[in-house]
């Protein structure tokens, strides 16, 4: 299936799910989810994997059900459909998501375990690799990306107060996101070009993460 845009009812479907996150709503609108959301997302990912997957990672569309075992919020369904190309959590990721808010793309280190954080900080501490990441992050900000991540309130142990990249060293995760409000392009072939262009912009970030953070040696949580 060639990607031609998300279905005309994709945004409406998630508007409804936000208002009524129940099994009854899901089952009544399952056909819309499959045809206007899931199938287009699978087609989008399939086309993009040819460029971004080789040498980097595998692509997958996330399942729609939430893991509510340890959550206070017991809503059964995710209010977005996300897909990713990655080798493993934290080692760089090409991410795309559709929801009632429109289209969201991202890249970088979304989740880091302790061994990955240690390697991340070790790389940031070196002049060559740390300066390279700082330059990548600055370039993304200038291009309109929002830089996010979980951070420490104070500096991590073992680093000077005047470290030139202290802001990066405080991160326990670091990623870039870009969002487009719902528009006509979301439902057209041009949406593929939008995501492809965005992922090309985060390629350097993802390759830095792959090379200097890598996959965790700890079991997945």
C-alpha atoms as a PDB file:
ATOM      1  CA  UNK A   1       0.000   0.000   0.000  1.00  0.00           C
ATOM      2  CA  UNK A   2       1.392   3.374  -1.039  1.00  0.00           C
ATOM      3  CA  UNK A   3       0.980   6.161   1.500  1.00  0.00           C
ATOM      4  CA  UNK A   4      -1.428   8.856   0.336  1.00  0.00           C
ATOM      5  CA  UNK A   5      -2.134  10.600   3.634  1.00  0.00           C
ATOM      6  CA  UNK A   6      -4.058   9.788   6.780  1.00  0.00           C
ATOM      7  CA  UNK A   7      -7.787   9.254   6.346  1.00  0.00           C
ATOM      8  CA  UNK A   8     -10.208  12.141   6.538  1.00  0.00           C
ATOM      9  CA  UNK A   9     -11.592  10.926   9.878  1.00  0.00           C
ATOM     10  CA  UNK A  10      -8.244  10.325  11.633  1.00  0.00           C
ATOM     11  CA  UNK A  11      -8.277  13.535  13.688  1.00  0.00           C
ATOM     12  CA  UNK A  12     -11.999  13.220  14.380  1.00  0.00           C
ATOM     13  CA  UNK A  13     -11.425   9.662  15.619  1.00  0.00           C
ATOM     14  CA  UNK A  14      -8.942  10.848  18.241  1.00  0.00           C
ATOM     15  CA  UNK A  15     -11.121  13.813  19.202  1.00  0.00           C
ATOM     16  CA  UNK A  16     -13.813  11.284  20.022  1.00  0.00           C
ATOM     17  CA  UNK A  17     -11.429   8.989  21.885  1.00  0.00           C
ATOM     18  CA  UNK A  18     -10.293  11.865  24.089  1.00  0.00           C
ATOM     19  CA  UNK A  19     -13.908  12.453  25.039  1.00  0.00           C
ATOM     20  CA  UNK A  20     -14.860   8.784  25.409  1.00  0.00           C
ATOM     21  CA  UNK A  21     -11.916   6.477  26.070  1.00  0.00           C
ATOM     22  CA  UNK A  22     -13.966   3.311  26.410  1.00  0.00           C
ATOM     23  CA  UNK A  23     -14.154  -0.117  24.836  1.00  0.00           C
ATOM     24  CA  UNK A  24     -17.591   0.739  23.473  1.00  0.00           C
ATOM     25  CA  UNK A  25     -16.302   3.777  21.570  1.00  0.00           C
ATOM     26  CA  UNK A  26     -13.285   1.839  20.316  1.00  0.00           C
ATOM     27  CA  UNK A  27     -15.343  -1.043  18.992  1.00  0.00           C
ATOM     28  CA  UNK A  28     -17.895   1.298  17.382  1.00  0.00           C
ATOM     29  CA  UNK A  29     -15.069   3.134  15.560  1.00  0.00           C
ATOM     30  CA  UNK A  30     -12.628   0.290  14.939  1.00  0.00           C
ATOM     31  CA  UNK A  31     -13.128   0.450  11.173  1.00  0.00           C
ATOM     32  CA  UNK A  32     -12.143   4.137  11.172  1.00  0.00           C
ATOM     33  CA  UNK A  33      -9.021   3.379  13.219  1.00  0.00           C
ATOM     34  CA  UNK A  34      -7.960   0.581  10.908  1.00  0.00           C
ATOM     35  CA  UNK A  35      -8.601   2.409   7.641  1.00  0.00           C
ATOM     36  CA  UNK A  36      -7.868   6.068   8.457  1.00  0.00           C
ATOM     37  CA  UNK A  37      -5.127   5.685  11.076  1.00  0.00           C
ATOM     38  CA  UNK A  38      -3.411   2.298  11.310  1.00  0.00           C
ATOM     39  CA  UNK A  39      -3.193   1.360   7.632  1.00  0.00           C
ATOM     40  CA  UNK A  40      -1.842   4.773   6.549  1.00  0.00           C
ATOM     41  CA  UNK A  41       0.691   4.744   9.401  1.00  0.00           C
ATOM     42  CA  UNK A  42       1.922   1.303   8.350  1.00  0.00           C
ATOM     43  CA  UNK A  43       2.217   2.504   4.748  1.00  0.00           C
ATOM     44  CA  UNK A  44       4.070   5.660   5.815  1.00  0.00           C
ATOM     45  CA  UNK A  45       6.524   3.679   7.919  1.00  0.00           C
ATOM     46  CA  UNK A  46       7.096   1.120   5.167  1.00  0.00           C
ATOM     47  CA  UNK A  47       8.121   3.816   2.696  1.00  0.00           C
ATOM     48  CA  UNK A  48      10.373   5.627   5.148  1.00  0.00           C
ATOM     49  CA  UNK A  49      12.073   2.467   6.396  1.00  0.00           C
ATOM     50  CA  UNK A  50      13.741   2.049   3.012  1.00  0.00           C
ATOM     51  CA  UNK A  51      15.742   5.245   3.640  1.00  0.00           C
ATOM     52  CA  UNK A  52      16.127   5.387   7.409  1.00  0.00           C
ATOM     53  CA  UNK A  53      16.154   1.746   8.465  1.00  0.00           C
ATOM     54  CA  UNK A  54      19.293   0.267   6.843  1.00  0.00           C
ATOM     55  CA  UNK A  55      22.199   0.376   9.255  1.00  0.00           C
ATOM     56  CA  UNK A  56      20.080   1.947  11.962  1.00  0.00           C
ATOM     57  CA  UNK A  57      17.138  -0.124  13.136  1.00  0.00           C
ATOM     58  CA  UNK A  58      13.767  -1.712  12.570  1.00  0.00           C
ATOM     59  CA  UNK A  59      10.411  -0.022  12.160  1.00  0.00           C
ATOM     60  CA  UNK A  60       7.234  -0.706  14.116  1.00  0.00           C
ATOM     61  CA  UNK A  61       3.841   0.839  14.744  1.00  0.00           C
ATOM     62  CA  UNK A  62       2.984   0.918  18.423  1.00  0.00           C
ATOM     63  CA  UNK A  63      -0.032  -0.988  19.654  1.00  0.00           C
ATOM     64  CA  UNK A  64      -3.098   1.103  20.561  1.00  0.00           C
ATOM     65  CA  UNK A  65      -3.649  -0.369  24.023  1.00  0.00           C
ATOM     66  CA  UNK A  66      -2.130   1.277  27.079  1.00  0.00           C
ATOM     67  CA  UNK A  67      -0.266  -0.683  29.732  1.00  0.00           C
ATOM     68  CA  UNK A  68      -2.378   0.208  32.766  1.00  0.00           C
ATOM     69  CA  UNK A  69      -0.976  -2.339  35.230  1.00  0.00           C
ATOM     70  CA  UNK A  70       0.853   0.268  37.309  1.00  0.00           C
ATOM     71  CA  UNK A  71      -0.910   3.428  36.099  1.00  0.00           C
ATOM     72  CA  UNK A  72      -3.366   5.561  38.033  1.00  0.00           C
ATOM     73  CA  UNK A  73      -5.068   6.411  34.755  1.00  0.00           C
ATOM     74  CA  UNK A  74      -6.874   3.244  33.670  1.00  0.00           C
ATOM     75  CA  UNK A  75      -7.985   4.569  30.265  1.00  0.00           C
ATOM     76  CA  UNK A  76      -7.554   1.547  27.987  1.00  0.00           C
ATOM     77  CA  UNK A  77      -6.445   3.214  24.736  1.00  0.00           C
ATOM     78  CA  UNK A  78      -3.645   5.531  23.666  1.00  0.00           C
ATOM     79  CA  UNK A  79      -4.863   8.853  22.291  1.00  0.00           C
ATOM     80  CA  UNK A  80      -2.351   8.769  19.442  1.00  0.00           C
ATOM     81  CA  UNK A  81      -0.879   6.357  16.921  1.00  0.00           C
ATOM     82  CA  UNK A  82       2.903   6.350  16.965  1.00  0.00           C
ATOM     83  CA  UNK A  83       5.566   4.615  14.905  1.00  0.00           C
ATOM     84  CA  UNK A  84       9.322   4.414  15.243  1.00  0.00           C
ATOM     85  CA  UNK A  85      12.489   3.214  13.583  1.00  0.00           C
ATOM     86  CA  UNK A  86      15.096   2.339  16.204  1.00  0.00           C
ATOM     87  CA  UNK A  87      17.660  -0.265  17.130  1.00  0.00           C
ATOM     88  CA  UNK A  88      16.817  -0.085  20.808  1.00  0.00           C
ATOM     89  CA  UNK A  89      15.471   2.369  23.357  1.00  0.00           C
ATOM     90  CA  UNK A  90      17.784   5.324  23.889  1.00  0.00           C
ATOM     91  CA  UNK A  91      20.124   4.613  20.979  1.00  0.00           C
ATOM     92  CA  UNK A  92      18.454   7.146  18.692  1.00  0.00           C
ATOM     93  CA  UNK A  93      14.964   6.988  17.186  1.00  0.00           C
ATOM     94  CA  UNK A  94      13.024   8.276  14.203  1.00  0.00           C
ATOM     95  CA  UNK A  95       9.540   8.885  15.603  1.00  0.00           C
ATOM     96  CA  UNK A  96       6.216   9.940  14.068  1.00  0.00           C
ATOM     97  CA  UNK A  97       2.786  10.268  15.642  1.00  0.00           C
ATOM     98  CA  UNK A  98      -0.722  11.278  14.577  1.00  0.00           C
ATOM     99  CA  UNK A  99      -3.402  12.407  17.034  1.00  0.00           C
ATOM    100  CA  UNK A 100      -6.108  15.009  17.491  1.00  0.00           C
ATOM    101  CA  UNK A 101      -3.258  17.536  17.833  1.00  0.00           C
ATOM    102  CA  UNK A 102      -2.036  16.766  14.311  1.00  0.00           C
ATOM    103  CA  UNK A 103       1.366  15.382  13.311  1.00  0.00           C
ATOM    104  CA  UNK A 104       4.360  15.015  15.626  1.00  0.00           C
ATOM    105  CA  UNK A 105       7.863  13.956  14.651  1.00  0.00           C
ATOM    106  CA  UNK A 106      10.911  13.414  16.800  1.00  0.00           C
ATOM    107  CA  UNK A 107      14.394  12.034  17.197  1.00  0.00           C
ATOM    108  CA  UNK A 108      17.095  11.430  19.769  1.00  0.00           C
ATOM    109  CA  UNK A 109      17.328   9.647  23.123  1.00  0.00           C
ATOM    110  CA  UNK A 110      13.761   9.312  24.375  1.00  0.00           C
ATOM    111  CA  UNK A 111      14.480   6.827  27.190  1.00  0.00           C
ATOM    112  CA  UNK A 112      17.848   6.182  28.799  1.00  0.00           C
ATOM    113  CA  UNK A 113      18.760   3.530  31.327  1.00  0.00           C
ATOM    114  CA  UNK A 114      21.574   4.084  33.816  1.00  0.00           C
ATOM    115  CA  UNK A 115      24.327   2.575  31.655  1.00  0.00           C
ATOM    116  CA  UNK A 116      23.209   4.693  28.707  1.00  0.00           C
ATOM    117  CA  UNK A 117      23.171   7.846  30.826  1.00  0.00           C
ATOM    118  CA  UNK A 118      26.744   7.098  31.877  1.00  0.00           C
ATOM    119  CA  UNK A 119      27.878   6.756  28.249  1.00  0.00           C
ATOM    120  CA  UNK A 120      25.891   9.843  27.244  1.00  0.00           C
ATOM    121  CA  UNK A 121      27.626  11.975  29.877  1.00  0.00           C
ATOM    122  CA  UNK A 122      31.022  10.512  29.094  1.00  0.00           C
ATOM    123  CA  UNK A 123      30.601  11.524  25.449  1.00  0.00           C
ATOM    124  CA  UNK A 124      29.254  14.990  26.320  1.00  0.00           C
ATOM    125  CA  UNK A 125      32.226  15.518  28.622  1.00  0.00           C
ATOM    126  CA  UNK A 126      34.731  15.021  25.787  1.00  0.00           C
ATOM    127  CA  UNK A 127      35.485  18.053  23.681  1.00  0.00           C
ATOM    128  CA  UNK A 128      35.064  16.339  20.316  1.00  0.00           C
ATOM    129  CA  UNK A 129      31.837  14.428  20.908  1.00  0.00           C
ATOM    130  CA  UNK A 130      30.288  16.888  23.353  1.00  0.00           C
ATOM    131  CA  UNK A 131      30.882  19.889  21.118  1.00  0.00           C
ATOM    132  CA  UNK A 132      29.421  17.951  18.185  1.00  0.00           C
ATOM    133  CA  UNK A 133      26.188  17.270  20.109  1.00  0.00           C
ATOM    134  CA  UNK A 134      25.938  20.885  21.250  1.00  0.00           C
ATOM    135  CA  UNK A 135      26.230  21.983  17.634  1.00  0.00           C
ATOM    136  CA  UNK A 136      23.562  19.496  16.530  1.00  0.00           C
ATOM    137  CA  UNK A 137      21.144  20.655  19.236  1.00  0.00           C
ATOM    138  CA  UNK A 138      21.727  24.329  18.427  1.00  0.00           C
ATOM    139  CA  UNK A 139      21.099  23.682  14.727  1.00  0.00           C
ATOM    140  CA  UNK A 140      17.831  21.883  15.467  1.00  0.00           C
ATOM    141  CA  UNK A 141      16.618  24.708  17.697  1.00  0.00           C
ATOM    142  CA  UNK A 142      17.415  27.214  14.970  1.00  0.00           C
ATOM    143  CA  UNK A 143      15.434  25.103  12.493  1.00  0.00           C
ATOM    144  CA  UNK A 144      12.337  25.239  14.702  1.00  0.00           C
ATOM    145  CA  UNK A 145      12.648  22.061  16.744  1.00  0.00           C
ATOM    146  CA  UNK A 146      11.817  21.929  20.454  1.00  0.00           C
ATOM    147  CA  UNK A 147      14.481  20.248  22.592  1.00  0.00           C
ATOM    148  CA  UNK A 148      13.051  18.269  25.493  1.00  0.00           C
ATOM    149  CA  UNK A 149      14.070  15.662  28.037  1.00  0.00           C
ATOM    150  CA  UNK A 150      14.184  14.743  31.687  1.00  0.00           C
ATOM    151  CA  UNK A 151      16.840  16.766  33.520  1.00  0.00           C
ATOM    152  CA  UNK A 152      18.468  16.982  36.912  1.00  0.00           C
ATOM    153  CA  UNK A 153      17.897  20.131  38.964  1.00  0.00           C
ATOM    154  CA  UNK A 154      21.561  20.272  39.906  1.00  0.00           C
ATOM    155  CA  UNK A 155      24.739  19.166  38.176  1.00  0.00           C
ATOM    156  CA  UNK A 156      25.549  15.444  38.084  1.00  0.00           C
ATOM    157  CA  UNK A 157      28.321  14.200  40.346  1.00  0.00           C
ATOM    158  CA  UNK A 158      31.871  14.439  39.124  1.00  0.00           C
ATOM    159  CA  UNK A 159      31.483  17.457  36.838  1.00  0.00           C
ATOM    160  CA  UNK A 160      32.618  21.025  37.416  1.00  0.00           C
ATOM    161  CA  UNK A 161      30.157  23.842  38.040  1.00  0.00           C
ATOM    162  CA  UNK A 162      31.593  25.726  35.076  1.00  0.00           C
ATOM    163  CA  UNK A 163      31.544  22.829  32.605  1.00  0.00           C
ATOM    164  CA  UNK A 164      30.897  24.329  29.129  1.00  0.00           C
ATOM    165  CA  UNK A 165      28.127  21.793  28.423  1.00  0.00           C
ATOM    166  CA  UNK A 166      26.607  21.523  31.882  1.00  0.00           C
ATOM    167  CA  UNK A 167      23.106  21.997  30.438  1.00  0.00           C
ATOM    168  CA  UNK A 168      23.526  18.836  28.354  1.00  0.00           C
ATOM    169  CA  UNK A 169      25.154  16.889  31.189  1.00  0.00           C
ATOM    170  CA  UNK A 170      22.053  17.406  33.336  1.00  0.00           C
ATOM    171  CA  UNK A 171      19.904  15.474  30.877  1.00  0.00           C
ATOM    172  CA  UNK A 172      18.695  11.964  31.672  1.00  0.00           C
ATOM    173  CA  UNK A 173      16.973  11.900  28.286  1.00  0.00           C
ATOM    174  CA  UNK A 174      17.337  14.260  25.347  1.00  0.00           C
ATOM    175  CA  UNK A 175      15.225  14.481  22.232  1.00  0.00           C
ATOM    176  CA  UNK A 176      13.875  16.882  19.627  1.00  0.00           C
ATOM    177  CA  UNK A 177      10.230  17.226  18.582  1.00  0.00           C
ATOM    178  CA  UNK A 178       8.346  19.131  15.928  1.00  0.00           C
ATOM    179  CA  UNK A 179       4.554  19.428  15.661  1.00  0.00           C
ATOM    180  CA  UNK A 180       2.170  20.439  12.875  1.00  0.00           C
ATOM    181  CA  UNK A 181      -1.435  21.298  13.676  1.00  0.00           C
ATOM    182  CA  UNK A 182      -4.085  19.365  11.726  1.00  0.00           C
ATOM    183  CA  UNK A 183      -4.152  20.615   8.140  1.00  0.00           C
ATOM    184  CA  UNK A 184      -4.844  19.420   4.604  1.00  0.00           C
ATOM    185  CA  UNK A 185      -1.289  18.097   4.207  1.00  0.00           C
ATOM    186  CA  UNK A 186      -1.951  15.526   6.923  1.00  0.00           C
ATOM    187  CA  UNK A 187      -4.383  13.826   4.557  1.00  0.00           C
ATOM    188  CA  UNK A 188      -2.217  14.068   1.451  1.00  0.00           C
ATOM    189  CA  UNK A 189       0.892  12.497  -0.015  1.00  0.00           C
ATOM    190  CA  UNK A 190       2.752  15.622   1.098  1.00  0.00           C
ATOM    191  CA  UNK A 191       2.637  14.330   4.676  1.00  0.00           C
ATOM    192  CA  UNK A 192       5.281  11.758   3.684  1.00  0.00           C
ATOM    193  CA  UNK A 193       7.559  14.535   2.433  1.00  0.00           C
ATOM    194  CA  UNK A 194       7.013  16.437   5.681  1.00  0.00           C
ATOM    195  CA  UNK A 195       8.075  13.486   7.817  1.00  0.00           C
ATOM    196  CA  UNK A 196      10.977  12.574   5.538  1.00  0.00           C
ATOM    197  CA  UNK A 197      12.351  16.123   5.694  1.00  0.00           C
ATOM    198  CA  UNK A 198      11.981  16.185   9.484  1.00  0.00           C
ATOM    199  CA  UNK A 199      13.751  12.860   9.905  1.00  0.00           C
ATOM    200  CA  UNK A 200      16.590  13.982   7.690  1.00  0.00           C
ATOM    201  CA  UNK A 201      17.058  16.947  10.005  1.00  0.00           C
ATOM    202  CA  UNK A 202      17.416  14.684  13.063  1.00  0.00           C
ATOM    203  CA  UNK A 203      19.658  12.155  11.305  1.00  0.00           C
ATOM    204  CA  UNK A 204      22.871  13.614  12.794  1.00  0.00           C
ATOM    205  CA  UNK A 205      21.324  13.544  16.273  1.00  0.00           C
ATOM    206  CA  UNK A 206      20.259   9.914  15.907  1.00  0.00           C
ATOM    207  CA  UNK A 207      23.616   8.827  14.529  1.00  0.00           C
ATOM    208  CA  UNK A 208      25.366  10.582  17.424  1.00  0.00           C
ATOM    209  CA  UNK A 209      23.137   8.663  19.844  1.00  0.00           C
ATOM    210  CA  UNK A 210      23.747   5.375  18.047  1.00  0.00           C
ATOM    211  CA  UNK A 211      27.519   5.851  18.071  1.00  0.00           C
ATOM    212  CA  UNK A 212      28.017   7.284  21.581  1.00  0.00           C
ATOM    213  CA  UNK A 213      25.094   5.991  23.669  1.00  0.00           C
ATOM    214  CA  UNK A 214      24.105   2.712  22.057  1.00  0.00           C
ATOM    215  CA  UNK A 215      21.720   0.087  23.301  1.00  0.00           C
ATOM    216  CA  UNK A 216      21.386  -0.615  26.997  1.00  0.00           C
ATOM    217  CA  UNK A 217      23.149  -3.625  28.453  1.00  0.00           C
ATOM    218  CA  UNK A 218      20.414  -3.869  31.075  1.00  0.00           C
ATOM    219  CA  UNK A 219      17.148  -5.814  30.598  1.00  0.00           C
ATOM    220  CA  UNK A 220      14.278  -3.726  29.235  1.00  0.00           C
ATOM    221  CA  UNK A 221      11.901  -2.478  31.912  1.00  0.00           C
END
